[in-house]
């Protein structure tokens, strides 16, 4: 059974940093594209970043480019999202998800992701 578990969320002041983790069990992460998505209250879910299974290439939404970094540790079967220079508008529940489709590069289209974690809350506030 495929399972993803996020951790690392919390309350942080604007300008601060957090590192989210997405640990996989029941499958090997590097066989899948892995994406991070977030959903703020009253808003639709949006894609944040993804890392491709083929060559580890990464993609970022414009809103986080230059501030967030996605990475993968295959030995730990874990994907990370390092979030720096956090802003109040980054406040949301953050989800990681796995996409097992055959395209070469990851894309932030949520319907393509078929395994999701339970989410971790990130709150950016002074």
Foldseek 3Di string as FASTA:
>chain_A
DKAWAKDWADEAAQQAKIKIKIAIPPDQQLLWKKWKWWDDPPGDIWTAKIFFSQPRDMDGDPVQPPFWDWDADRVRSMIMIIGGRDDQVVWTWMKMFTANDDDGGDDTDVVRTDYIHPTDTHGYHD
